[in-house]
Amino acid sequence: MKRIYSYFGCASILVLLVVLLNGCKKEKAYALPVAKDALQNDAIKRSLGPNIVGQVIEFAYAMAIPKTKGKLASAEVEASIAGATGTFLEHRSFFTNQSGVDVPVTVGSPSVTSGTKTTVTFTVDTSAATLRFYYVIPEAARSKTVSFTFTVRSNNGETATYSLGPYTIAKMDMSRNRTVSDGNAMYISIGDTAIYNSSTVVGNEAKVDL
């Protein structure tokens, strides 16, 4: 029995020594990642919910280049299906102040849309910016998918691209801001996405759901 106790005692000491030695090993110092010495870009989809014709899909497009390499010249977004009227790429970059408010900083001229492409030309010397892109879903995209290619160019000739999608566009429609009132606009038709009153409901009674 003494030998057994002695064996377990020695084993316990060895385990303790191993733990102590491992704990005393010097941890590897953290090193900051080295930034790439080239033009870079990234993009994310900011909006949530279903993609419905007439609604807006919002993106944030970030781009940067080392100051020693040059400056940003232009940014472009190309959609696989041309956006409806109101589609644009912000010519302002935003930062959030201490109060949580987005503050715009103008970095380029207002965007120009030609067919499927929307472009902003930078008018200030900047090596980094994040622009927001608003795509108004057109009727032509109903029940289809749409993809986006983001492209940034620098004044030294470099180009970087980033792709997002495809995103499915719903077949359904959405009717918003319909006002109802007791005793007046009180007949709701889901099929017509309309609100009827006692006069306009005449002849449409079968369409009323609520």
C-alpha atoms as a PDB file:
ATOM      1  CA  MET A   1       0.000   0.000   0.000  1.00  0.00           C
ATOM      2  CA  LYS A   2       2.896   2.325   0.776  1.00  0.00           C
ATOM      3  CA  ARG A   3       4.293   1.748  -2.689  1.00  0.00           C
ATOM      4  CA  ILE A   4       0.925   2.575  -4.242  1.00  0.00           C
ATOM      5  CA  TYR A   5       0.657   5.793  -2.242  1.00  0.00           C
ATOM      6  CA  SER A   6       4.240   6.658  -3.141  1.00  0.00           C
ATOM      7  CA  TYR A   7       3.509   6.073  -6.852  1.00  0.00           C
ATOM      8  CA  PHE A   8       0.445   8.326  -6.840  1.00  0.00           C
ATOM      9  CA  GLY A   9       2.289  10.947  -4.848  1.00  0.00           C
ATOM     10  CA  CYS A  10       5.133  11.100  -7.370  1.00  0.00           C
ATOM     11  CA  ALA A  11       2.699  11.195 -10.297  1.00  0.00           C
ATOM     12  CA  SER A  12       0.820  14.092  -8.706  1.00  0.00           C
ATOM     13  CA  ILE A  13       4.041  16.034  -8.215  1.00  0.00           C
ATOM     14  CA  LEU A  14       5.056  15.461 -11.853  1.00  0.00           C
ATOM     15  CA  VAL A  15       1.676  16.684 -13.114  1.00  0.00           C
ATOM     16  CA  LEU A  16       1.933  19.769 -10.909  1.00  0.00           C
ATOM     17  CA  LEU A  17       5.431  20.522 -12.232  1.00  0.00           C
ATOM     18  CA  VAL A  18       4.263  20.244 -15.842  1.00  0.00           C
ATOM     19  CA  VAL A  19       1.373  22.626 -15.150  1.00  0.00           C
ATOM     20  CA  LEU A  20       3.673  25.128 -13.448  1.00  0.00           C
ATOM     21  CA  LEU A  21       6.236  24.974 -16.249  1.00  0.00           C
ATOM     22  CA  ASN A  22       3.572  25.529 -18.903  1.00  0.00           C
ATOM     23  CA  GLY A  23       2.126  28.388 -16.901  1.00  0.00           C
ATOM     24  CA  CYS A  24       5.541  30.040 -16.710  1.00  0.00           C
ATOM     25  CA  LYS A  25       6.081  29.982 -20.458  1.00  0.00           C
ATOM     26  CA  LYS A  26       6.315  33.488 -21.866  1.00  0.00           C
ATOM     27  CA  GLU A  27       3.266  34.373 -23.926  1.00  0.00           C
ATOM     28  CA  LYS A  28       3.867  35.477 -27.474  1.00  0.00           C
ATOM     29  CA  ALA A  29       3.494  39.240 -27.714  1.00  0.00           C
ATOM     30  CA  TYR A  30       0.534  40.511 -29.738  1.00  0.00           C
ATOM     31  CA  ALA A  31       1.487  42.204 -32.970  1.00  0.00           C
ATOM     32  CA  LEU A  32      -0.731  44.609 -34.880  1.00  0.00           C
ATOM     33  CA  PRO A  33      -1.708  43.258 -38.307  1.00  0.00           C
ATOM     34  CA  VAL A  34       0.173  44.842 -41.163  1.00  0.00           C
ATOM     35  CA  ALA A  35      -2.044  46.742 -43.574  1.00  0.00           C
ATOM     36  CA  LYS A  36      -1.900  45.682 -47.201  1.00  0.00           C
ATOM     37  CA  ASP A  37       0.120  47.993 -49.378  1.00  0.00           C
ATOM     38  CA  ALA A  38      -2.577  48.237 -52.041  1.00  0.00           C
ATOM     39  CA  LEU A  39      -6.052  49.538 -52.815  1.00  0.00           C
ATOM     40  CA  GLN A  40      -8.687  47.636 -50.826  1.00  0.00           C
ATOM     41  CA  ASN A  41     -12.480  47.606 -50.640  1.00  0.00           C
ATOM     42  CA  ASP A  42     -15.365  45.935 -48.839  1.00  0.00           C
ATOM     43  CA  ALA A  43     -19.160  46.162 -48.911  1.00  0.00           C
ATOM     44  CA  ILE A  44     -22.101  45.090 -46.753  1.00  0.00           C
ATOM     45  CA  LYS A  45     -25.889  45.089 -47.163  1.00  0.00           C
ATOM     46  CA  ARG A  46     -27.387  47.377 -44.502  1.00  0.00           C
ATOM     47  CA  SER A  47     -31.121  46.990 -45.118  1.00  0.00           C
ATOM     48  CA  LEU A  48     -33.170  44.112 -43.717  1.00  0.00           C
ATOM     49  CA  GLY A  49     -36.455  42.475 -44.592  1.00  0.00           C
ATOM     50  CA  PRO A  50     -37.940  41.295 -47.885  1.00  0.00           C
ATOM     51  CA  ASN A  51     -36.820  42.844 -51.162  1.00  0.00           C
ATOM     52  CA  ILE A  52     -40.009  44.241 -52.691  1.00  0.00           C
ATOM     53  CA  VAL A  53     -40.487  46.234 -55.890  1.00  0.00           C
ATOM     54  CA  GLY A  54     -40.444  49.937 -55.105  1.00  0.00           C
ATOM     55  CA  GLN A  55     -38.511  49.462 -51.875  1.00  0.00           C
ATOM     56  CA  VAL A  56     -34.843  50.383 -51.321  1.00  0.00           C
ATOM     57  CA  ILE A  57     -31.888  48.071 -50.739  1.00  0.00           C
ATOM     58  CA  GLU A  58     -29.127  49.931 -48.893  1.00  0.00           C
ATOM     59  CA  PHE A  59     -25.417  49.090 -48.927  1.00  0.00           C
ATOM     60  CA  ALA A  60     -22.275  50.529 -47.358  1.00  0.00           C
ATOM     61  CA  TYR A  61     -19.180  50.533 -49.568  1.00  0.00           C
ATOM     62  CA  ALA A  62     -15.785  51.052 -47.884  1.00  0.00           C
ATOM     63  CA  MET A  63     -12.534  51.693 -49.743  1.00  0.00           C
ATOM     64  CA  ALA A  64      -8.999  52.715 -48.807  1.00  0.00           C
ATOM     65  CA  ILE A  65      -5.479  53.028 -50.167  1.00  0.00           C
ATOM     66  CA  PRO A  66      -2.217  53.825 -48.316  1.00  0.00           C
ATOM     67  CA  LYS A  67      -1.493  57.558 -48.520  1.00  0.00           C
ATOM     68  CA  THR A  68       1.931  56.800 -49.951  1.00  0.00           C
ATOM     69  CA  LYS A  69       0.317  54.952 -52.860  1.00  0.00           C
ATOM     70  CA  GLY A  70      -2.138  57.602 -54.016  1.00  0.00           C
ATOM     71  CA  LYS A  71      -5.722  58.730 -53.477  1.00  0.00           C
ATOM     72  CA  LEU A  72      -9.230  57.624 -54.415  1.00  0.00           C
ATOM     73  CA  ALA A  73     -10.399  58.700 -57.868  1.00  0.00           C
ATOM     74  CA  SER A  74     -13.862  57.165 -58.360  1.00  0.00           C
ATOM     75  CA  ALA A  75     -16.342  54.628 -57.002  1.00  0.00           C
ATOM     76  CA  GLU A  76     -18.910  52.713 -59.026  1.00  0.00           C
ATOM     77  CA  VAL A  77     -21.707  50.229 -58.429  1.00  0.00           C
ATOM     78  CA  GLU A  78     -23.079  48.109 -61.259  1.00  0.00           C
ATOM     79  CA  ALA A  79     -26.345  46.220 -60.793  1.00  0.00           C
ATOM     80  CA  SER A  80     -27.307  43.225 -62.879  1.00  0.00           C
ATOM     81  CA  ILE A  81     -30.697  44.946 -63.392  1.00  0.00           C
ATOM     82  CA  ALA A  82     -30.868  48.729 -63.661  1.00  0.00           C
ATOM     83  CA  GLY A  83     -32.391  50.363 -60.589  1.00  0.00           C
ATOM     84  CA  ALA A  84     -35.552  52.447 -60.685  1.00  0.00           C
ATOM     85  CA  THR A  85     -35.622  56.241 -60.421  1.00  0.00           C
ATOM     86  CA  GLY A  86     -34.082  57.311 -57.116  1.00  0.00           C
ATOM     87  CA  THR A  87     -31.150  54.874 -57.229  1.00  0.00           C
ATOM     88  CA  PHE A  88     -27.965  56.676 -56.195  1.00  0.00           C
ATOM     89  CA  LEU A  89     -24.511  56.362 -54.624  1.00  0.00           C
ATOM     90  CA  GLU A  90     -23.779  58.850 -51.843  1.00  0.00           C
ATOM     91  CA  HIS A  91     -21.104  61.439 -52.634  1.00  0.00           C
ATOM     92  CA  ARG A  92     -20.671  61.969 -48.905  1.00  0.00           C
ATOM     93  CA  SER A  93     -18.859  59.824 -46.372  1.00  0.00           C
ATOM     94  CA  PHE A  94     -20.341  59.606 -42.864  1.00  0.00           C
ATOM     95  CA  PHE A  95     -18.899  59.414 -39.378  1.00  0.00           C
ATOM     96  CA  THR A  96     -20.774  59.076 -36.092  1.00  0.00           C
ATOM     97  CA  ASN A  97     -20.204  61.823 -33.509  1.00  0.00           C
ATOM     98  CA  GLN A  98     -20.259  61.408 -29.719  1.00  0.00           C
ATOM     99  CA  SER A  99     -24.031  61.910 -29.678  1.00  0.00           C
ATOM    100  CA  GLY A 100     -24.550  58.986 -32.047  1.00  0.00           C
ATOM    101  CA  VAL A 101     -25.518  61.220 -34.958  1.00  0.00           C
ATOM    102  CA  ASP A 102     -24.279  60.488 -38.497  1.00  0.00           C
ATOM    103  CA  VAL A 103     -22.347  63.481 -39.809  1.00  0.00           C
ATOM    104  CA  PRO A 104     -21.800  63.738 -43.591  1.00  0.00           C
ATOM    105  CA  VAL A 105     -18.541  64.849 -45.197  1.00  0.00           C
ATOM    106  CA  THR A 106     -18.629  65.654 -48.916  1.00  0.00           C
ATOM    107  CA  VAL A 107     -15.904  63.771 -50.774  1.00  0.00           C
ATOM    108  CA  GLY A 108     -17.141  63.776 -54.367  1.00  0.00           C
ATOM    109  CA  SER A 109     -19.646  65.071 -56.879  1.00  0.00           C
ATOM    110  CA  PRO A 110     -23.249  63.773 -56.849  1.00  0.00           C
ATOM    111  CA  SER A 111     -23.518  60.342 -58.438  1.00  0.00           C
ATOM    112  CA  VAL A 112     -24.422  59.822 -62.066  1.00  0.00           C
ATOM    113  CA  THR A 113     -26.439  56.772 -63.135  1.00  0.00           C
ATOM    114  CA  SER A 114     -26.196  55.448 -66.671  1.00  0.00           C
ATOM    115  CA  GLY A 115     -28.032  52.200 -67.315  1.00  0.00           C
ATOM    116  CA  THR A 116     -26.903  49.692 -64.715  1.00  0.00           C
ATOM    117  CA  LYS A 117     -23.932  51.751 -63.459  1.00  0.00           C
ATOM    118  CA  THR A 118     -23.914  54.451 -60.777  1.00  0.00           C
ATOM    119  CA  THR A 119     -20.680  56.417 -60.347  1.00  0.00           C
ATOM    120  CA  VAL A 120     -19.213  58.983 -57.976  1.00  0.00           C
ATOM    121  CA  THR A 121     -16.083  60.954 -58.872  1.00  0.00           C
ATOM    122  CA  PHE A 122     -14.003  62.071 -55.876  1.00  0.00           C
ATOM    123  CA  THR A 123     -13.350  65.809 -55.704  1.00  0.00           C
ATOM    124  CA  VAL A 124     -11.182  65.914 -52.557  1.00  0.00           C
ATOM    125  CA  ASP A 125      -7.818  64.365 -51.772  1.00  0.00           C
ATOM    126  CA  THR A 126      -8.765  61.365 -49.689  1.00  0.00           C
ATOM    127  CA  SER A 127      -7.308  57.912 -49.232  1.00  0.00           C
ATOM    128  CA  ALA A 128     -10.321  56.368 -47.473  1.00  0.00           C
ATOM    129  CA  ALA A 129     -14.103  56.665 -47.618  1.00  0.00           C
ATOM    130  CA  THR A 130     -17.306  54.755 -46.971  1.00  0.00           C
ATOM    131  CA  LEU A 131     -20.172  55.552 -49.317  1.00  0.00           C
ATOM    132  CA  ARG A 132     -23.779  54.402 -49.051  1.00  0.00           C
ATOM    133  CA  PHE A 133     -25.571  53.001 -52.076  1.00  0.00           C
ATOM    134  CA  TYR A 134     -29.361  53.051 -52.389  1.00  0.00           C
ATOM    135  CA  TYR A 135     -30.884  50.743 -54.990  1.00  0.00           C
ATOM    136  CA  VAL A 136     -34.587  51.266 -55.733  1.00  0.00           C
ATOM    137  CA  ILE A 137     -35.975  47.907 -56.820  1.00  0.00           C
ATOM    138  CA  PRO A 138     -37.529  48.212 -60.306  1.00  0.00           C
ATOM    139  CA  GLU A 139     -40.545  46.382 -61.713  1.00  0.00           C
ATOM    140  CA  ALA A 140     -38.156  44.620 -64.113  1.00  0.00           C
ATOM    141  CA  ALA A 141     -36.619  42.786 -61.145  1.00  0.00           C
ATOM    142  CA  ARG A 142     -39.864  41.293 -59.810  1.00  0.00           C
ATOM    143  CA  SER A 143     -39.491  37.544 -59.075  1.00  0.00           C
ATOM    144  CA  LYS A 144     -35.866  37.681 -60.273  1.00  0.00           C
ATOM    145  CA  THR A 145     -32.479  37.991 -58.605  1.00  0.00           C
ATOM    146  CA  VAL A 146     -30.181  40.995 -58.662  1.00  0.00           C
ATOM    147  CA  SER A 147     -26.435  41.185 -57.987  1.00  0.00           C
ATOM    148  CA  PHE A 148     -24.061  44.084 -57.478  1.00  0.00           C
ATOM    149  CA  THR A 149     -20.417  44.721 -58.371  1.00  0.00           C
ATOM    150  CA  PHE A 150     -18.664  47.497 -56.446  1.00  0.00           C
ATOM    151  CA  THR A 151     -15.552  49.027 -58.006  1.00  0.00           C
ATOM    152  CA  VAL A 152     -13.091  51.641 -56.754  1.00  0.00           C
ATOM    153  CA  ARG A 153     -10.301  53.246 -58.752  1.00  0.00           C
ATOM    154  CA  SER A 154      -7.300  55.204 -57.483  1.00  0.00           C
ATOM    155  CA  ASN A 155      -5.324  57.920 -59.243  1.00  0.00           C
ATOM    156  CA  ASN A 156      -2.366  55.553 -59.635  1.00  0.00           C
ATOM    157  CA  GLY A 157      -4.366  53.230 -61.883  1.00  0.00           C
ATOM    158  CA  GLU A 158      -5.202  50.529 -59.324  1.00  0.00           C
ATOM    159  CA  THR A 159      -8.681  48.975 -59.319  1.00  0.00           C
ATOM    160  CA  ALA A 160     -10.443  46.862 -56.687  1.00  0.00           C
ATOM    161  CA  THR A 161     -13.825  45.151 -56.960  1.00  0.00           C
ATOM    162  CA  TYR A 162     -16.252  43.510 -54.551  1.00  0.00           C
ATOM    163  CA  SER A 163     -19.396  41.514 -55.409  1.00  0.00           C
ATOM    164  CA  LEU A 164     -22.597  41.010 -53.409  1.00  0.00           C
ATOM    165  CA  GLY A 165     -25.680  38.957 -54.180  1.00  0.00           C
ATOM    166  CA  PRO A 166     -27.642  37.520 -55.762  1.00  0.00           C
ATOM    167  CA  TYR A 167     -30.659  38.781 -53.850  1.00  0.00           C
ATOM    168  CA  THR A 168     -34.126  37.464 -54.632  1.00  0.00           C
ATOM    169  CA  ILE A 169     -36.786  40.068 -55.374  1.00  0.00           C
ATOM    170  CA  ALA A 170     -40.219  39.117 -54.111  1.00  0.00           C
ATOM    171  CA  LYS A 171     -43.223  38.651 -56.358  1.00  0.00           C
ATOM    172  CA  MET A 172     -45.552  40.285 -53.852  1.00  0.00           C
ATOM    173  CA  ASP A 173     -46.362  43.975 -53.439  1.00  0.00           C
ATOM    174  CA  MET A 174     -46.487  46.083 -50.312  1.00  0.00           C
ATOM    175  CA  SER A 175     -48.852  48.956 -49.604  1.00  0.00           C
ATOM    176  CA  ARG A 176     -47.689  51.381 -46.926  1.00  0.00           C
ATOM    177  CA  ASN A 177     -49.120  54.252 -44.892  1.00  0.00           C
ATOM    178  CA  ARG A 178     -52.764  53.388 -45.507  1.00  0.00           C
ATOM    179  CA  THR A 179     -54.891  55.364 -43.032  1.00  0.00           C
ATOM    180  CA  VAL A 180     -58.040  53.877 -41.539  1.00  0.00           C
ATOM    181  CA  SER A 181     -60.691  55.696 -39.510  1.00  0.00           C
ATOM    182  CA  ASP A 182     -63.652  54.568 -37.486  1.00  0.00           C
ATOM    183  CA  GLY A 183     -66.924  55.053 -39.363  1.00  0.00           C
ATOM    184  CA  ASN A 184     -65.218  56.203 -42.575  1.00  0.00           C
ATOM    185  CA  ALA A 185     -62.169  54.527 -44.159  1.00  0.00           C
ATOM    186  CA  MET A 186     -62.818  51.242 -42.417  1.00  0.00           C
ATOM    187  CA  TYR A 187     -63.075  48.550 -45.112  1.00  0.00           C
ATOM    188  CA  ILE A 188     -59.725  46.857 -45.720  1.00  0.00           C
ATOM    189  CA  SER A 189     -58.990  44.835 -48.861  1.00  0.00           C
ATOM    190  CA  ILE A 190     -55.776  42.834 -48.797  1.00  0.00           C
ATOM    191  CA  GLY A 191     -56.148  41.771 -52.418  1.00  0.00           C
ATOM    192  CA  ASP A 192     -56.476  45.369 -53.605  1.00  0.00           C
ATOM    193  CA  THR A 193     -54.105  46.708 -50.929  1.00  0.00           C
ATOM    194  CA  ALA A 194     -56.723  49.425 -50.486  1.00  0.00           C
ATOM    195  CA  ILE A 195     -58.907  51.029 -47.861  1.00  0.00           C
ATOM    196  CA  TYR A 196     -62.557  51.742 -48.780  1.00  0.00           C
ATOM    197  CA  ASN A 197     -65.147  53.968 -47.152  1.00  0.00           C
ATOM    198  CA  SER A 198     -68.935  53.549 -47.254  1.00  0.00           C
ATOM    199  CA  SER A 199     -69.100  55.091 -50.732  1.00  0.00           C
ATOM    200  CA  THR A 200     -66.117  53.508 -52.478  1.00  0.00           C
ATOM    201  CA  VAL A 201     -66.839  50.072 -51.061  1.00  0.00           C
ATOM    202  CA  VAL A 202     -69.999  49.810 -53.176  1.00  0.00           C
ATOM    203  CA  GLY A 203     -69.343  47.200 -55.830  1.00  0.00           C
ATOM    204  CA  ASN A 204     -66.199  46.023 -54.019  1.00  0.00           C
ATOM    205  CA  GLU A 205     -67.843  44.283 -51.084  1.00  0.00           C
ATOM    206  CA  ALA A 206     -66.507  40.870 -52.092  1.00  0.00           C
ATOM    207  CA  LYS A 207     -62.953  42.186 -51.906  1.00  0.00           C
ATOM    208  CA  VAL A 208     -63.193  43.350 -48.300  1.00  0.00           C
ATOM    209  CA  ASP A 209     -61.232  41.195 -45.855  1.00  0.00           C
ATOM    210  CA  LEU A 210     -61.644  43.217 -42.714  1.00  0.00           C
END
